C-alpha atoms as a PDB file:
ATOM      1  CA  MET A   1     -14.173  24.932   9.009  1.00  0.00           C
ATOM      2  CA  ARG A   2     -11.150  24.725   6.754  1.00  0.00           C
ATOM      3  CA  GLU A   3      -9.251  21.661   5.624  1.00  0.00           C
ATOM      4  CA  TYR A   4      -5.416  21.644   5.900  1.00  0.00           C
ATOM      5  CA  GLU A   5      -2.640  19.359   5.393  1.00  0.00           C
ATOM      6  CA  THR A   6       0.728  19.480   7.141  1.00  0.00           C
ATOM      7  CA  VAL A   7       3.819  17.597   6.122  1.00  0.00           C
ATOM      8  CA  PHE A   8       6.720  17.504   8.528  1.00  0.00           C
ATOM      9  CA  LEU A   9      10.133  15.837   8.600  1.00  0.00           C
ATOM     10  CA  VAL A  10      11.505  14.367  11.715  1.00  0.00           C
ATOM     11  CA  ARG A  11      15.068  13.584  12.564  1.00  0.00           C
ATOM     12  CA  PRO A  12      16.028  10.064  11.526  1.00  0.00           C
ATOM     13  CA  ASP A  13      17.421   9.395  15.026  1.00  0.00           C
ATOM     14  CA  ALA A  14      14.267  10.500  16.916  1.00  0.00           C
ATOM     15  CA  SER A  15      13.141   8.000  19.456  1.00  0.00           C
ATOM     16  CA  GLU A  16       9.658   6.358  19.454  1.00  0.00           C
ATOM     17  CA  SER A  17       8.723   8.219  22.727  1.00  0.00           C
ATOM     18  CA  GLU A  18       9.682  11.498  21.120  1.00  0.00           C
ATOM     19  CA  LEU A  19       7.476  10.803  18.030  1.00  0.00           C
ATOM     20  CA  ALA A  20       4.615   9.647  20.181  1.00  0.00           C
ATOM     21  CA  ASP A  21       4.949  12.777  22.179  1.00  0.00           C
ATOM     22  CA  LEU A  22       4.897  15.004  19.120  1.00  0.00           C
ATOM     23  CA  HIS A  23       1.888  13.130  17.580  1.00  0.00           C
ATOM     24  CA  ARG A  24       0.027  13.465  20.888  1.00  0.00           C
ATOM     25  CA  ARG A  25       0.720  17.140  21.095  1.00  0.00           C
ATOM     26  CA  LEU A  26      -0.490  17.720  17.480  1.00  0.00           C
ATOM     27  CA  GLU A  27      -3.711  15.816  17.871  1.00  0.00           C
ATOM     28  CA  SER A  28      -4.426  17.532  21.163  1.00  0.00           C
ATOM     29  CA  ILE A  29      -4.038  21.019  19.510  1.00  0.00           C
ATOM     30  CA  ILE A  30      -6.451  19.958  16.763  1.00  0.00           C
ATOM     31  CA  THR A  31      -9.124  18.841  19.147  1.00  0.00           C
ATOM     32  CA  LYS A  32      -8.479  21.824  21.275  1.00  0.00           C
ATOM     33  CA  HIS A  33      -9.475  24.000  18.470  1.00  0.00           C
ATOM     34  CA  ASN A  34     -12.621  21.980  17.723  1.00  0.00           C
ATOM     35  CA  GLY A  35     -10.886  20.296  14.735  1.00  0.00           C
ATOM     36  CA  THR A  36     -10.952  16.842  13.321  1.00  0.00           C
ATOM     37  CA  LEU A  37      -8.026  14.747  12.291  1.00  0.00           C
ATOM     38  CA  LEU A  38      -9.103  13.303   8.991  1.00  0.00           C
ATOM     39  CA  PHE A  39      -6.045  11.079   8.579  1.00  0.00           C
ATOM     40  CA  LYS A  40      -2.417  10.816   9.396  1.00  0.00           C
ATOM     41  CA  LYS A  41       0.202   8.905   7.462  1.00  0.00           C
ATOM     42  CA  ASP A  42       3.749   7.954   8.116  1.00  0.00           C
ATOM     43  CA  TRP A  43       5.771   8.015   4.724  1.00  0.00           C
ATOM     44  CA  GLY A  44       8.761   6.477   6.468  1.00  0.00           C
ATOM     45  CA  LYS A  45      12.458   7.272   6.246  1.00  0.00           C
ATOM     46  CA  ARG A  46      13.574   8.907   2.989  1.00  0.00           C
ATOM     47  CA  GLU A  47      16.728  10.313   1.498  1.00  0.00           C
ATOM     48  CA  MET A  48      16.360  14.136   1.227  1.00  0.00           C
ATOM     49  CA  ALA A  49      17.393  15.998  -1.974  1.00  0.00           C
ATOM     50  CA  TYR A  50      19.846  18.163   0.200  1.00  0.00           C
ATOM     51  CA  PRO A  51      21.024  18.088   3.694  1.00  0.00           C
ATOM     52  CA  ILE A  52      19.049  20.029   6.277  1.00  0.00           C
ATOM     53  CA  ARG A  53      20.730  20.616   9.651  1.00  0.00           C
ATOM     54  CA  LYS A  54      23.341  18.119   8.568  1.00  0.00           C
ATOM     55  CA  TYR A  55      20.893  15.274   8.089  1.00  0.00           C
ATOM     56  CA  ARG A  56      20.685  13.520   4.785  1.00  0.00           C
ATOM     57  CA  GLN A  57      17.523  11.465   5.756  1.00  0.00           C
ATOM     58  CA  ALA A  58      14.356  12.238   7.509  1.00  0.00           C
ATOM     59  CA  VAL A  59      11.035  10.511   8.514  1.00  0.00           C
ATOM     60  CA  TYR A  60       8.162  12.035   6.766  1.00  0.00           C
ATOM     61  CA  HIS A  61       4.716  12.513   8.341  1.00  0.00           C
ATOM     62  CA  HIS A  62       1.529  13.728   6.832  1.00  0.00           C
ATOM     63  CA  TYR A  63      -1.549  14.997   8.634  1.00  0.00           C
ATOM     64  CA  ASP A  64      -4.753  15.925   6.863  1.00  0.00           C
ATOM     65  CA  TYR A  65      -7.300  17.732   9.264  1.00  0.00           C
ATOM     66  CA  ALA A  66     -10.170  20.132   9.452  1.00  0.00           C
ATOM     67  CA  ALA A  67      -9.819  23.015  11.907  1.00  0.00           C
ATOM     68  CA  ASP A  68      -9.990  26.722  12.431  1.00  0.00           C
ATOM     69  CA  THR A  69      -7.135  29.250  11.705  1.00  0.00           C
ATOM     70  CA  GLY A  70      -5.982  29.270  15.342  1.00  0.00           C
ATOM     71  CA  ALA A  71      -5.056  25.688  15.212  1.00  0.00           C
ATOM     72  CA  ILE A  72      -2.566  26.360  12.412  1.00  0.00           C
ATOM     73  CA  ARG A  73      -0.702  28.957  14.483  1.00  0.00           C
ATOM     74  CA  ASP A  74      -0.455  26.511  17.487  1.00  0.00           C
ATOM     75  CA  ILE A  75       0.497  23.620  15.414  1.00  0.00           C
ATOM     76  CA  GLU A  76       3.240  25.561  13.580  1.00  0.00           C
ATOM     77  CA  ARG A  77       4.553  26.970  16.869  1.00  0.00           C
ATOM     78  CA  SER A  78       4.808  23.504  18.367  1.00  0.00           C
ATOM     79  CA  LEU A  79       6.545  22.151  15.327  1.00  0.00           C
ATOM     80  CA  LYS A  80       8.977  25.198  15.286  1.00  0.00           C
ATOM     81  CA  LEU A  81       9.793  24.569  19.068  1.00  0.00           C
ATOM     82  CA  SER A  82      10.254  20.837  18.699  1.00  0.00           C
ATOM     83  CA  ASP A  83      13.886  19.708  18.408  1.00  0.00           C
ATOM     84  CA  THR A  84      12.843  16.506  16.525  1.00  0.00           C
ATOM     85  CA  VAL A  85      11.252  18.353  13.626  1.00  0.00           C
ATOM     86  CA  ILE A  86      13.626  19.333  10.913  1.00  0.00           C
ATOM     87  CA  ARG A  87      11.148  21.025   8.466  1.00  0.00           C
ATOM     88  CA  PHE A  88       7.469  21.457   8.081  1.00  0.00           C
ATOM     89  CA  LEU A  89       4.869  22.762   5.541  1.00  0.00           C
ATOM     90  CA  THR A  90       1.083  23.455   6.138  1.00  0.00           C
ATOM     91  CA  VAL A  91      -1.087  23.899   3.053  1.00  0.00           C
ATOM     92  CA  LEU A  92      -4.756  25.093   2.957  1.00  0.00           C
ATOM     93  CA  ILE A  93      -6.773  22.453   0.992  1.00  0.00           C
ATOM     94  CA  SER A  94     -10.356  23.879   1.232  1.00  0.00           C
ATOM     95  CA  ASN A  95     -11.905  26.891   2.682  1.00  0.00           C
ATOM     96  CA  ASP A  96     -15.129  25.211   3.575  1.00  0.00           C
ATOM     97  CA  VAL A  97     -15.202  21.306   4.282  1.00  0.00           C
ATOM     98  CA  ASP A  98     -18.035  19.155   5.335  1.00  0.00           C
ATOM     99  CA  VAL A  99     -16.062  16.915   7.762  1.00  0.00           C
ATOM    100  CA  GLU A 100     -18.457  13.991   7.897  1.00  0.00           C
ATOM    101  CA  GLN A 101     -18.625  13.821   4.055  1.00  0.00           C
ATOM    102  CA  ARG A 102     -14.817  14.161   3.791  1.00  0.00           C
ATOM    103  CA  LYS A 103     -14.378  11.366   6.288  1.00  0.00           C
ATOM    104  CA  LYS A 104     -16.748   9.126   4.358  1.00  0.00           C
ATOM    105  CA  GLU A 105     -14.892   9.927   1.021  1.00  0.00           C
ATOM    106  CA  LEU A 106     -11.647   9.078   2.683  1.00  0.00           C
ATOM    107  CA  ALA A 107     -13.035   5.785   4.132  1.00  0.00           C
ATOM    108  CA  ASP A 108     -14.461   4.840   0.737  1.00  0.00           C
ATOM    109  CA  GLY A 109     -11.118   5.640  -0.961  1.00  0.00           C
ATOM    110  CA  GLY A 110     -13.084   6.879  -3.801  1.00  0.00           C
ATOM    111  CA  VAL A 111     -12.807  10.661  -4.078  1.00  0.00           C
ATOM    112  CA  LYS A 112      -9.236  11.898  -3.601  1.00  0.00           C
ATOM    113  CA  LEU A 113      -8.481  15.558  -3.665  1.00  0.00           C
ATOM    114  CA  GLU A 114      -5.390  16.628  -5.572  1.00  0.00           C
ATOM    115  CA  THR A 115      -3.474  17.776  -2.598  1.00  0.00           C
ATOM    116  CA  ALA A 116       0.220  18.929  -2.601  1.00  0.00           C
ATOM    117  CA  SER A 117       1.154  15.926  -0.507  1.00  0.00           C
ATOM    118  CA  SER A 118      -0.413  13.559  -3.114  1.00  0.00           C
ATOM    119  CA  VAL A 119       1.511  15.181  -5.933  1.00  0.00           C
ATOM    120  CA  LEU A 120       4.758  14.905  -3.835  1.00  0.00           C
ATOM    121  CA  GLU A 121       3.947  11.256  -2.995  1.00  0.00           C
ATOM    122  CA  ASP A 122       3.349  10.403  -6.686  1.00  0.00           C
ATOM    123  CA  ALA A 123       6.663  12.093  -7.522  1.00  0.00           C
ATOM    124  CA  VAL A 124       8.644  10.306  -4.972  1.00  0.00           C
ATOM    125  CA  GLU A 125       7.152   6.973  -6.051  1.00  0.00           C
ATOM    126  CA  SER A 126       8.007   7.625  -9.676  1.00  0.00           C
ATOM    127  CA  SER A 127      11.668   8.693  -8.752  1.00  0.00           C
ATOM    128  CA  ASP A 128      11.997   5.414  -6.705  1.00  0.00           C
ATOM    129  CA  SER A 129      11.162   3.481  -9.868  1.00  0.00           C
ATOM    130  CA  THR A 130      13.502   5.514 -12.099  1.00  0.00           C
ATOM    131  CA  SER A 131      15.491   3.152 -14.438  1.00  0.00           C
ATOM    132  CA  ALA A 132      17.674   3.617 -17.507  1.00  0.00           C
ATOM    133  CA  ASP A 133      14.448   3.895 -19.567  1.00  0.00           C
ATOM    134  CA  ALA A 134      13.599   7.058 -17.578  1.00  0.00           C
ATOM    135  CA  ALA A 135      17.000   8.477 -17.988  1.00  0.00           C
ATOM    136  CA  ALA A 136      17.066   8.186 -21.774  1.00  0.00           C
ATOM    137  CA  PRO A 137      14.545  10.795 -22.419  1.00  0.00           C
ATOM    138  CA  ALA A 138      16.307  13.226 -20.163  1.00  0.00           C
ATOM    139  CA  ALA A 139      19.701  12.621 -21.978  1.00  0.00           C
ATOM    140  CA  GLU A 140      17.863  13.217 -25.270  1.00  0.00           C
ATOM    141  CA  VAL A 141      16.469  16.589 -24.144  1.00  0.00           C
ATOM    142  CA  SER A 142      19.836  17.612 -22.782  1.00  0.00           C
ATOM    143  CA  ALA A 143      21.481  16.750 -26.180  1.00  0.00           C
ATOM    144  CA  ASN A 144      18.758  18.664 -28.021  1.00  0.00           C
ATOM    145  CA  LEU A 145      19.355  21.827 -25.923  1.00  0.00           C
ATOM    146  CA  GLU A 146      23.136  21.693 -26.127  1.00  0.00           C
ATOM    147  CA  PRO A 147      23.442  23.345 -29.576  1.00  0.00           C
ATOM    148  CA  GLU A 148      20.840  26.133 -28.520  1.00  0.00           C
ATOM    149  CA  VAL A 149      22.941  26.822 -25.331  1.00  0.00           C
ATOM    150  CA  SER A 150      26.166  27.118 -27.264  1.00  0.00           C
ATOM    151  CA  ALA A 151      24.517  29.345 -29.753  1.00  0.00           C
ATOM    152  CA  LEU A 152      23.348  31.679 -26.977  1.00  0.00           C
ATOM    153  CA  GLN A 153      26.727  31.703 -25.428  1.00  0.00           C
ATOM    154  CA  THR A 154      28.405  32.834 -28.645  1.00  0.00           C
ATOM    155  CA  GLU A 155      25.768  35.583 -29.123  1.00  0.00           C
ATOM    156  CA  GLU A 156      26.633  36.951 -25.758  1.00  0.00           C
ATOM    157  CA  VAL A 157      30.291  36.946 -26.535  1.00  0.00           C
ATOM    158  CA  LYS A 158      29.607  38.957 -29.806  1.00  0.00           C
ATOM    159  CA  ASP A 159      27.464  41.497 -27.955  1.00  0.00           C
ATOM    160  CA  GLU A 160      30.324  42.285 -25.445  1.00  0.00           C
END
């Protein structure tokens, strides 16, 4: 059995009943394919980097589960057909996973796989705490690159 994670974005104006129905559908697909939902997490409403379908915000949801490949096809089909889902991404975490051992690891909170969602979550948390101190190194890098960029631009003009 393989371990996957799916992150999907839901319209910010979606009702609780629509969300409950979506979660119920996804969980039933996972169990129908002899899979196991390892955990699910609601990351809450966040501002997106750019608008998708005219929405500037979305509610982020994360599922981590073990299932066969047929489950992925059905989950993605369900997410595509759902009007409440703006965008989704499914990533293969492990080709062979021991479900009971993985559940125990997650319950203990000890061993954490470096998954795409954990990297994304860390990046979002660090961007939330961005301050003037974090902006200073970026301005310094920009200032250091400016002479190099202008030198490249003058070389291009000479070549023409």
